Structure formats: C-alpha cells, structure tokens
PDB file of all heavy atoms in Angstrom:
ATOM      1  N   ARG A   1       8.373  45.164 -14.452  1.00  0.00           N
ATOM      2  CA  ARG A   1       8.379  46.583 -14.113  1.00  0.00           C
ATOM      3  C   ARG A   1       8.788  47.441 -15.311  1.00  0.00           C
ATOM      4  O   ARG A   1       8.275  48.548 -15.497  1.00  0.00           O
ATOM      5  CB  ARG A   1       9.293  46.841 -12.920  1.00  0.00           C
ATOM      6  CG  ARG A   1       8.775  46.235 -11.620  1.00  0.00           C
ATOM      7  CD  ARG A   1       9.750  46.475 -10.480  1.00  0.00           C
ATOM      8  NE  ARG A   1       9.815  47.891 -10.130  1.00  0.00           N
ATOM      9  CZ  ARG A   1      10.756  48.425  -9.360  1.00  0.00           C
ATOM     10  NH1 ARG A   1      11.727  47.653  -8.880  1.00  0.00           N
ATOM     11  NH2 ARG A   1      10.743  49.714  -9.085  1.00  0.00           N
ATOM     12  N   ILE A   2       9.687  46.940 -16.136  1.00  0.00           N
ATOM     13  CA  ILE A   2      10.053  47.667 -17.355  1.00  0.00           C
ATOM     14  C   ILE A   2       8.875  47.699 -18.323  1.00  0.00           C
ATOM     15  O   ILE A   2       8.560  48.739 -18.921  1.00  0.00           O
ATOM     16  CB  ILE A   2      11.294  47.031 -18.005  1.00  0.00           C
ATOM     17  CG1 ILE A   2      12.534  47.325 -17.145  1.00  0.00           C
ATOM     18  CG2 ILE A   2      11.491  47.562 -19.427  1.00  0.00           C
ATOM     19  CD1 ILE A   2      13.782  46.600 -17.602  1.00  0.00           C
ATOM     20  N   LEU A   3       8.182  46.578 -18.480  1.00  0.00           N
ATOM     21  CA  LEU A   3       7.021  46.524 -19.363  1.00  0.00           C
ATOM     22  C   LEU A   3       5.890  47.421 -18.870  1.00  0.00           C
ATOM     23  O   LEU A   3       5.094  47.932 -19.669  1.00  0.00           O
ATOM     24  CB  LEU A   3       6.525  45.083 -19.503  1.00  0.00           C
ATOM     25  CG  LEU A   3       7.460  44.120 -20.233  1.00  0.00           C
ATOM     26  CD1 LEU A   3       6.900  42.703 -20.186  1.00  0.00           C
ATOM     27  CD2 LEU A   3       7.685  44.558 -21.677  1.00  0.00           C
ATOM     28  N   ALA A   4       5.816  47.619 -17.552  1.00  0.00           N
ATOM     29  CA  ALA A   4       4.797  48.494 -16.968  1.00  0.00           C
ATOM     30  C   ALA A   4       5.231  49.953 -16.976  1.00  0.00           C
ATOM     31  O   ALA A   4       4.502  50.814 -16.464  1.00  0.00           O
ATOM     32  CB  ALA A   4       4.489  48.041 -15.540  1.00  0.00           C
ATOM     33  N   ALA A   5       6.402  50.242 -17.530  1.00  0.00           N
ATOM     34  CA  ALA A   5       6.959  51.605 -17.589  1.00  0.00           C
ATOM     35  C   ALA A   5       7.240  52.165 -16.202  1.00  0.00           C
ATOM     36  O   ALA A   5       7.164  53.372 -15.982  1.00  0.00           O
ATOM     37  CB  ALA A   5       6.041  52.541 -18.373  1.00  0.00           C
ATOM     38  N   LEU A   6       7.591  51.276 -15.272  1.00  0.00           N
ATOM     39  CA  LEU A   6       7.968  51.702 -13.926  1.00  0.00           C
ATOM     40  C   LEU A   6       9.485  51.751 -13.756  1.00  0.00           C
ATOM     41  O   LEU A   6       9.986  52.326 -12.788  1.00  0.00           O
ATOM     42  CB  LEU A   6       7.367  50.746 -12.888  1.00  0.00           C
ATOM     43  CG  LEU A   6       5.845  50.682 -12.861  1.00  0.00           C
ATOM     44  CD1 LEU A   6       5.383  49.615 -11.868  1.00  0.00           C
ATOM     45  CD2 LEU A   6       5.239  52.028 -12.514  1.00  0.00           C
ATOM     46  N   LEU A   7      10.209  51.118 -14.678  1.00  0.00           N
ATOM     47  CA  LEU A   7      11.674  51.139 -14.705  1.00  0.00           C
ATOM     48  C   LEU A   7      12.132  51.454 -16.116  1.00  0.00           C
ATOM     49  O   LEU A   7      11.503  51.023 -17.091  1.00  0.00           O
ATOM     50  CB  LEU A   7      12.255  49.775 -14.305  1.00  0.00           C
ATOM     51  CG  LEU A   7      12.482  49.441 -12.840  1.00  0.00           C
ATOM     52  CD1 LEU A   7      13.061  48.039 -12.744  1.00  0.00           C
ATOM     53  CD2 LEU A   7      13.388  50.444 -12.154  1.00  0.00           C
ATOM     54  N   ARG A   8      13.242  52.171 -16.225  1.00  0.00           N
ATOM     55  CA  ARG A   8      13.820  52.471 -17.524  1.00  0.00           C
ATOM     56  C   ARG A   8      14.876  51.425 -17.866  1.00  0.00           C
ATOM     57  O   ARG A   8      15.691  51.062 -17.017  1.00  0.00           O
ATOM     58  CB  ARG A   8      14.481  53.855 -17.515  1.00  0.00           C
ATOM     59  CG  ARG A   8      13.536  54.993 -17.218  1.00  0.00           C
ATOM     60  CD  ARG A   8      14.289  56.306 -17.111  1.00  0.00           C
ATOM     61  NE  ARG A   8      14.830  56.704 -18.396  1.00  0.00           N
ATOM     62  CZ  ARG A   8      14.192  57.471 -19.276  1.00  0.00           C
ATOM     63  NH1 ARG A   8      12.986  57.923 -18.997  1.00  0.00           N
ATOM     64  NH2 ARG A   8      14.753  57.790 -20.420  1.00  0.00           N
ATOM     65  N   PRO A   9      14.887  50.945 -19.105  1.00  0.00           N
ATOM     66  CA  PRO A   9      15.983  50.053 -19.524  1.00  0.00           C
ATOM     67  C   PRO A   9      17.265  50.858 -19.718  1.00  0.00           C
ATOM     68  O   PRO A   9      17.214  52.055 -20.011  1.00  0.00           O
ATOM     69  CB  PRO A   9      15.476  49.489 -20.851  1.00  0.00           C
ATOM     70  CG  PRO A   9      14.542  50.532 -21.372  1.00  0.00           C
ATOM     71  CD  PRO A   9      13.904  51.170 -20.179  1.00  0.00           C
ATOM     72  N   HIS A  10      18.389  50.198 -19.538  1.00  0.00           N
ATOM     73  CA  HIS A  10      19.666  50.859 -19.774  1.00  0.00           C
ATOM     74  C   HIS A  10      20.151  50.682 -21.208  1.00  0.00           C
ATOM     75  O   HIS A  10      20.991  51.451 -21.689  1.00  0.00           O
ATOM     76  CB  HIS A  10      20.723  50.336 -18.801  1.00  0.00           C
ATOM     77  CG  HIS A  10      20.535  50.858 -17.418  1.00  0.00           C
ATOM     78  ND1 HIS A  10      20.547  50.059 -16.295  1.00  0.00           N
ATOM     79  CD2 HIS A  10      20.294  52.118 -16.960  1.00  0.00           C
ATOM     80  CE1 HIS A  10      20.341  50.801 -15.214  1.00  0.00           C
ATOM     81  NE2 HIS A  10      20.182  52.036 -15.594  1.00  0.00           N
ATOM     82  N   ALA A  11      19.645  49.668 -21.887  1.00  0.00           N
ATOM     83  CA  ALA A  11      20.011  49.439 -23.280  1.00  0.00           C
ATOM     84  C   ALA A  11      18.900  48.642 -23.948  1.00  0.00           C
ATOM     85  O   ALA A  11      18.136  47.936 -23.290  1.00  0.00           O
ATOM     86  CB  ALA A  11      21.337  48.683 -23.380  1.00  0.00           C
ATOM     87  N   GLY A  12      18.820  48.752 -25.269  1.00  0.00           N
ATOM     88  CA  GLY A  12      17.842  47.988 -26.023  1.00  0.00           C
ATOM     89  C   GLY A  12      16.545  48.738 -26.240  1.00  0.00           C
ATOM     90  O   GLY A  12      16.364  49.865 -25.764  1.00  0.00           O
ATOM     91  N   ASP A  13      15.634  48.092 -26.962  1.00  0.00           N
ATOM     92  CA  ASP A  13      14.335  48.674 -27.304  1.00  0.00           C
ATOM     93  C   ASP A  13      13.223  47.863 -26.661  1.00  0.00           C
ATOM     94  O   ASP A  13      13.275  46.626 -26.631  1.00  0.00           O
ATOM     95  CB  ASP A  13      14.132  48.693 -28.818  1.00  0.00           C
ATOM     96  CG  ASP A  13      15.170  49.542 -29.535  1.00  0.00           C
ATOM     97  OD1 ASP A  13      15.429  50.665 -29.066  1.00  0.00           O
ATOM     98  OD2 ASP A  13      15.724  49.068 -30.538  1.00  0.00           O
ATOM     99  N   VAL A  14      12.198  48.575 -26.176  1.00  0.00           N
ATOM    100  CA  VAL A  14      11.011  47.954 -25.579  1.00  0.00           C
ATOM    101  C   VAL A  14       9.793  48.563 -26.253  1.00  0.00           C
ATOM    102  O   VAL A  14       9.588  49.785 -26.197  1.00  0.00           O
ATOM    103  CB  VAL A  14      10.941  48.202 -24.060  1.00  0.00           C
ATOM    104  CG1 VAL A  14       9.693  47.552 -23.471  1.00  0.00           C
ATOM    105  CG2 VAL A  14      12.193  47.696 -23.369  1.00  0.00           C
ATOM    106  N   LEU A  15       8.999  47.741 -26.909  1.00  0.00           N
ATOM    107  CA  LEU A  15       7.762  48.211 -27.527  1.00  0.00           C
ATOM    108  C   LEU A  15       6.594  47.426 -26.959  1.00  0.00           C
ATOM    109  O   LEU A  15       6.605  46.185 -26.953  1.00  0.00           O
ATOM    110  CB  LEU A  15       7.797  48.048 -29.046  1.00  0.00           C
ATOM    111  CG  LEU A  15       8.771  48.951 -29.793  1.00  0.00           C
ATOM    112  CD1 LEU A  15      10.105  48.227 -30.003  1.00  0.00           C
ATOM    113  CD2 LEU A  15       8.200  49.386 -31.136  1.00  0.00           C
ATOM    114  N   VAL A  16       5.596  48.143 -26.479  1.00  0.00           N
ATOM    115  CA  VAL A  16       4.373  47.534 -25.962  1.00  0.00           C
ATOM    116  C   VAL A  16       3.199  48.147 -26.715  1.00  0.00           C
ATOM    117  O   VAL A  16       3.051  49.377 -26.756  1.00  0.00           O
ATOM    118  CB  VAL A  16       4.224  47.773 -24.448  1.00  0.00           C
ATOM    119  CG1 VAL A  16       2.892  47.201 -23.948  1.00  0.00           C
ATOM    120  CG2 VAL A  16       5.381  47.128 -23.687  1.00  0.00           C
ATOM    121  N   LEU A  17       2.402  47.288 -27.355  1.00  0.00           N
ATOM    122  CA  LEU A  17       1.291  47.732 -28.193  1.00  0.00           C
ATOM    123  C   LEU A  17       1.769  48.759 -29.226  1.00  0.00           C
ATOM    124  O   LEU A  17       1.084  49.738 -29.527  1.00  0.00           O
ATOM    125  CB  LEU A  17       0.161  48.291 -27.324  1.00  0.00           C
ATOM    126  CG  LEU A  17      -0.453  47.290 -26.336  1.00  0.00           C
ATOM    127  CD1 LEU A  17      -1.465  47.971 -25.430  1.00  0.00           C
ATOM    128  CD2 LEU A  17      -1.103  46.122 -27.082  1.00  0.00           C
ATOM    129  N   GLY A  18       2.970  48.517 -29.740  1.00  0.00           N
ATOM    130  CA  GLY A  18       3.530  49.360 -30.776  1.00  0.00           C
ATOM    131  C   GLY A  18       4.159  50.649 -30.302  1.00  0.00           C
ATOM    132  O   GLY A  18       4.722  51.402 -31.108  1.00  0.00           O
ATOM    133  N   GLU A  19       4.115  50.914 -28.988  1.00  0.00           N
ATOM    134  CA  GLU A  19       4.641  52.161 -28.441  1.00  0.00           C
ATOM    135  C   GLU A  19       6.001  51.920 -27.790  1.00  0.00           C
ATOM    136  O   GLU A  19       6.156  50.986 -26.991  1.00  0.00           O
ATOM    137  CB  GLU A  19       3.686  52.736 -27.396  1.00  0.00           C
ATOM    138  CG  GLU A  19       2.275  53.015 -27.900  1.00  0.00           C
ATOM    139  CD  GLU A  19       2.198  54.226 -28.819  1.00  0.00           C
ATOM    140  OE1 GLU A  19       3.239  54.898 -29.009  1.00  0.00           O
ATOM    141  OE2 GLU A  19       1.106  54.504 -29.331  1.00  0.00           O
ATOM    142  N   PRO A  20       7.002  52.744 -28.104  1.00  0.00           N
ATOM    143  CA  PRO A  20       8.320  52.587 -27.481  1.00  0.00           C
ATOM    144  C   PRO A  20       8.316  53.105 -26.041  1.00  0.00           C
ATOM    145  O   PRO A  20       7.803  54.193 -25.762  1.00  0.00           O
ATOM    146  CB  PRO A  20       9.230  53.454 -28.371  1.00  0.00           C
ATOM    147  CG  PRO A  20       8.316  54.485 -28.963  1.00  0.00           C
ATOM    148  CD  PRO A  20       6.982  53.825 -29.111  1.00  0.00           C
ATOM    149  N   LEU A  21       8.866  52.288 -25.151  1.00  0.00           N
ATOM    150  CA  LEU A  21       8.964  52.674 -23.742  1.00  0.00           C
ATOM    151  C   LEU A  21      10.417  52.983 -23.408  1.00  0.00           C
ATOM    152  O   LEU A  21      11.331  52.362 -23.943  1.00  0.00           O
ATOM    153  CB  LEU A  21       8.463  51.538 -22.837  1.00  0.00           C
ATOM    154  CG  LEU A  21       7.025  51.098 -23.014  1.00  0.00           C
ATOM    155  CD1 LEU A  21       6.687  50.000 -22.003  1.00  0.00           C
ATOM    156  CD2 LEU A  21       6.060  52.257 -22.862  1.00  0.00           C
ATOM    157  N   PRO A  22      10.640  53.958 -22.512  1.00  0.00           N
ATOM    158  CA  PRO A  22       9.642  54.717 -21.749  1.00  0.00           C
ATOM    159  C   PRO A  22       9.139  55.974 -22.447  1.00  0.00           C
ATOM    160  O   PRO A  22       8.284  56.676 -21.919  1.00  0.00           O
ATOM    161  CB  PRO A  22      10.407  55.080 -20.480  1.00  0.00           C
ATOM    162  CG  PRO A  22      11.814  55.255 -20.953  1.00  0.00           C
ATOM    163  CD  PRO A  22      12.019  54.231 -22.032  1.00  0.00           C
ATOM    164  N   ARG A  23       9.639  56.279 -23.650  1.00  0.00           N
ATOM    165  CA  ARG A  23       9.326  57.559 -24.290  1.00  0.00           C
ATOM    166  C   ARG A  23       7.836  57.771 -24.472  1.00  0.00           C
ATOM    167  O   ARG A  23       7.337  58.887 -24.312  1.00  0.00           O
ATOM    168  CB  ARG A  23      10.043  57.641 -25.640  1.00  0.00           C
ATOM    169  CG  ARG A  23       9.831  58.955 -26.394  1.00  0.00           C
ATOM    170  CD  ARG A  23      10.825  59.094 -27.542  1.00  0.00           C
ATOM    171  NE  ARG A  23      10.740  57.997 -28.485  1.00  0.00           N
ATOM    172  CZ  ARG A  23       9.865  57.954 -29.492  1.00  0.00           C
ATOM    173  NH1 ARG A  23       9.006  58.928 -29.662  1.00  0.00           N
ATOM    174  NH2 ARG A  23       9.870  56.924 -30.322  1.00  0.00           N
ATOM    175  N   ARG A  24       7.102  56.716 -24.803  1.00  0.00           N
ATOM    176  CA  ARG A  24       5.657  56.849 -25.049  1.00  0.00           C
ATOM    177  C   ARG A  24       4.850  56.130 -23.970  1.00  0.00           C
ATOM    178  O   ARG A  24       3.753  55.631 -24.230  1.00  0.00           O
ATOM    179  CB  ARG A  24       5.331  56.282 -26.416  1.00  0.00           C
ATOM    180  CG  ARG A  24       5.928  57.051 -27.583  1.00  0.00           C
ATOM    181  CD  ARG A  24       5.024  58.156 -28.062  1.00  0.00           C
ATOM    182  NE  ARG A  24       3.738  57.638 -28.515  1.00  0.00           N
ATOM    183  CZ  ARG A  24       2.688  58.404 -28.829  1.00  0.00           C
ATOM    184  NH1 ARG A  24       2.783  59.727 -28.726  1.00  0.00           N
ATOM    185  NH2 ARG A  24       1.548  57.871 -29.243  1.00  0.00           N
ATOM    186  N   ALA A  25       5.370  56.118 -22.768  1.00  0.00           N
ATOM    187  CA  ALA A  25       4.681  55.435 -21.667  1.00  0.00           C
ATOM    188  C   ALA A  25       3.278  55.976 -21.454  1.00  0.00           C
ATOM    189  O   ALA A  25       2.342  55.223 -21.145  1.00  0.00           O
ATOM    190  CB  ALA A  25       5.494  55.561 -20.383  1.00  0.00           C
ATOM    191  N   PHE A  26       3.099  57.278 -21.624  1.00  0.00           N
ATOM    192  CA  PHE A  26       1.792  57.889 -21.408  1.00  0.00           C
ATOM    193  C   PHE A  26       0.727  57.321 -22.340  1.00  0.00           C
ATOM    194  O   PHE A  26      -0.460  57.306 -22.017  1.00  0.00           O
ATOM    195  CB  PHE A  26       1.885  59.408 -21.607  1.00  0.00           C
ATOM    196  CG  PHE A  26       2.169  59.820 -23.024  1.00  0.00           C
ATOM    197  CD1 PHE A  26       1.133  60.061 -23.918  1.00  0.00           C
ATOM    198  CD2 PHE A  26       3.474  59.955 -23.470  1.00  0.00           C
ATOM    199  CE1 PHE A  26       1.401  60.424 -25.234  1.00  0.00           C
ATOM    200  CE2 PHE A  26       3.742  60.321 -24.777  1.00  0.00           C
ATOM    201  CZ  PHE A  26       2.700  60.559 -25.668  1.00  0.00           C
ATOM    202  N   ALA A  27       1.149  56.826 -23.504  1.00  0.00           N
ATOM    203  CA  ALA A  27       0.204  56.319 -24.492  1.00  0.00           C
ATOM    204  C   ALA A  27      -0.201  54.877 -24.233  1.00  0.00           C
ATOM    205  O   ALA A  27      -1.167  54.394 -24.824  1.00  0.00           O
ATOM    206  CB  ALA A  27       0.801  56.441 -25.891  1.00  0.00           C
ATOM    207  N   VAL A  28       0.525  54.193 -23.357  1.00  0.00           N
ATOM    208  CA  VAL A  28       0.276  52.760 -23.176  1.00  0.00           C
ATOM    209  C   VAL A  28      -0.173  52.402 -21.767  1.00  0.00           C
ATOM    210  O   VAL A  28      -0.801  51.358 -21.563  1.00  0.00           O
ATOM    211  CB  VAL A  28       1.536  51.950 -23.571  1.00  0.00           C
ATOM    212  CG1 VAL A  28       2.612  52.026 -22.511  1.00  0.00           C
ATOM    213  CG2 VAL A  28       1.207  50.504 -23.879  1.00  0.00           C
ATOM    214  N   ARG A  29       0.107  53.253 -20.772  1.00  0.00           N
ATOM    215  CA  ARG A  29      -0.192  52.871 -19.380  1.00  0.00           C
ATOM    216  C   ARG A  29      -1.667  52.549 -19.172  1.00  0.00           C
ATOM    217  O   ARG A  29      -2.002  51.631 -18.424  1.00  0.00           O
ATOM    218  CB  ARG A  29       0.238  53.988 -18.429  1.00  0.00           C
ATOM    219  CG  ARG A  29       1.725  53.979 -18.102  1.00  0.00           C
ATOM    220  CD  ARG A  29       2.021  54.774 -16.848  1.00  0.00           C
ATOM    221  NE  ARG A  29       3.431  54.706 -16.497  1.00  0.00           N
ATOM    222  CZ  ARG A  29       4.284  55.727 -16.611  1.00  0.00           C
ATOM    223  NH1 ARG A  29       3.857  56.889 -17.084  1.00  0.00           N
ATOM    224  NH2 ARG A  29       5.544  55.591 -16.260  1.00  0.00           N
ATOM    225  N   GLY A  30      -2.546  53.281 -19.815  1.00  0.00           N
ATOM    226  CA  GLY A  30      -3.974  53.034 -19.643  1.00  0.00           C
ATOM    227  C   GLY A  30      -4.466  51.760 -20.286  1.00  0.00           C
ATOM    228  O   GLY A  30      -5.606  51.351 -20.067  1.00  0.00           O
ATOM    229  N   ARG A  31      -3.597  51.105 -21.061  1.00  0.00           N
ATOM    230  CA  ARG A  31      -3.975  49.846 -21.721  1.00  0.00           C
ATOM    231  C   ARG A  31      -3.289  48.641 -21.091  1.00  0.00           C
ATOM    232  O   ARG A  31      -3.386  47.526 -21.606  1.00  0.00           O
ATOM    233  CB  ARG A  31      -3.647  49.931 -23.214  1.00  0.00           C
ATOM    234  CG  ARG A  31      -4.478  50.984 -23.934  1.00  0.00           C
ATOM    235  CD  ARG A  31      -4.184  51.005 -25.418  1.00  0.00           C
ATOM    236  NE  ARG A  31      -2.919  51.654 -25.724  1.00  0.00           N
ATOM    237  CZ  ARG A  31      -2.341  51.630 -26.924  1.00  0.00           C
ATOM    238  NH1 ARG A  31      -2.908  50.960 -27.923  1.00  0.00           N
ATOM    239  NH2 ARG A  31      -1.202  52.255 -27.140  1.00  0.00           N
ATOM    240  N   LEU A  32      -2.595  48.884 -19.965  1.00  0.00           N
ATOM    241  CA  LEU A  32      -1.917  47.826 -19.228  1.00  0.00           C
ATOM    242  C   LEU A  32      -2.628  47.558 -17.909  1.00  0.00           C
ATOM    243  O   LEU A  32      -3.138  48.475 -17.263  1.00  0.00           O
ATOM    244  CB  LEU A  32      -0.474  48.233 -18.916  1.00  0.00           C
ATOM    245  CG  LEU A  32       0.470  48.504 -20.080  1.00  0.00           C
ATOM    246  CD1 LEU A  32       1.811  48.982 -19.530  1.00  0.00           C
ATOM    247  CD2 LEU A  32       0.659  47.264 -20.929  1.00  0.00           C
ATOM    248  N   GLY A  33      -2.618  46.308 -17.489  1.00  0.00           N
ATOM    249  CA  GLY A  33      -3.077  45.938 -16.156  1.00  0.00           C
ATOM    250  C   GLY A  33      -1.943  45.249 -15.425  1.00  0.00           C
ATOM    251  O   GLY A  33      -1.374  44.282 -15.944  1.00  0.00           O
TER     252      GLY A  33
END
C-alpha cells in the first residue's frame, strides 16, 4: 500500500521509478498496477 501511494510512511525514503513517494505520487500512479 505504501508502494502504491495509498499509505504514507512515517519515516524513511520511498522511491518508485525514481519518484519520491508520497510527494510525487501523481507522477508514478499511472505507471503502477
């Protein structure tokens, strides 16, 4: 759920396809299934 940008992490960094989540979730959601 964190990788899908449906939950926010409380600590640490999450990058999916080079985009930091949740700040850039809008840039990555369309590339996730």
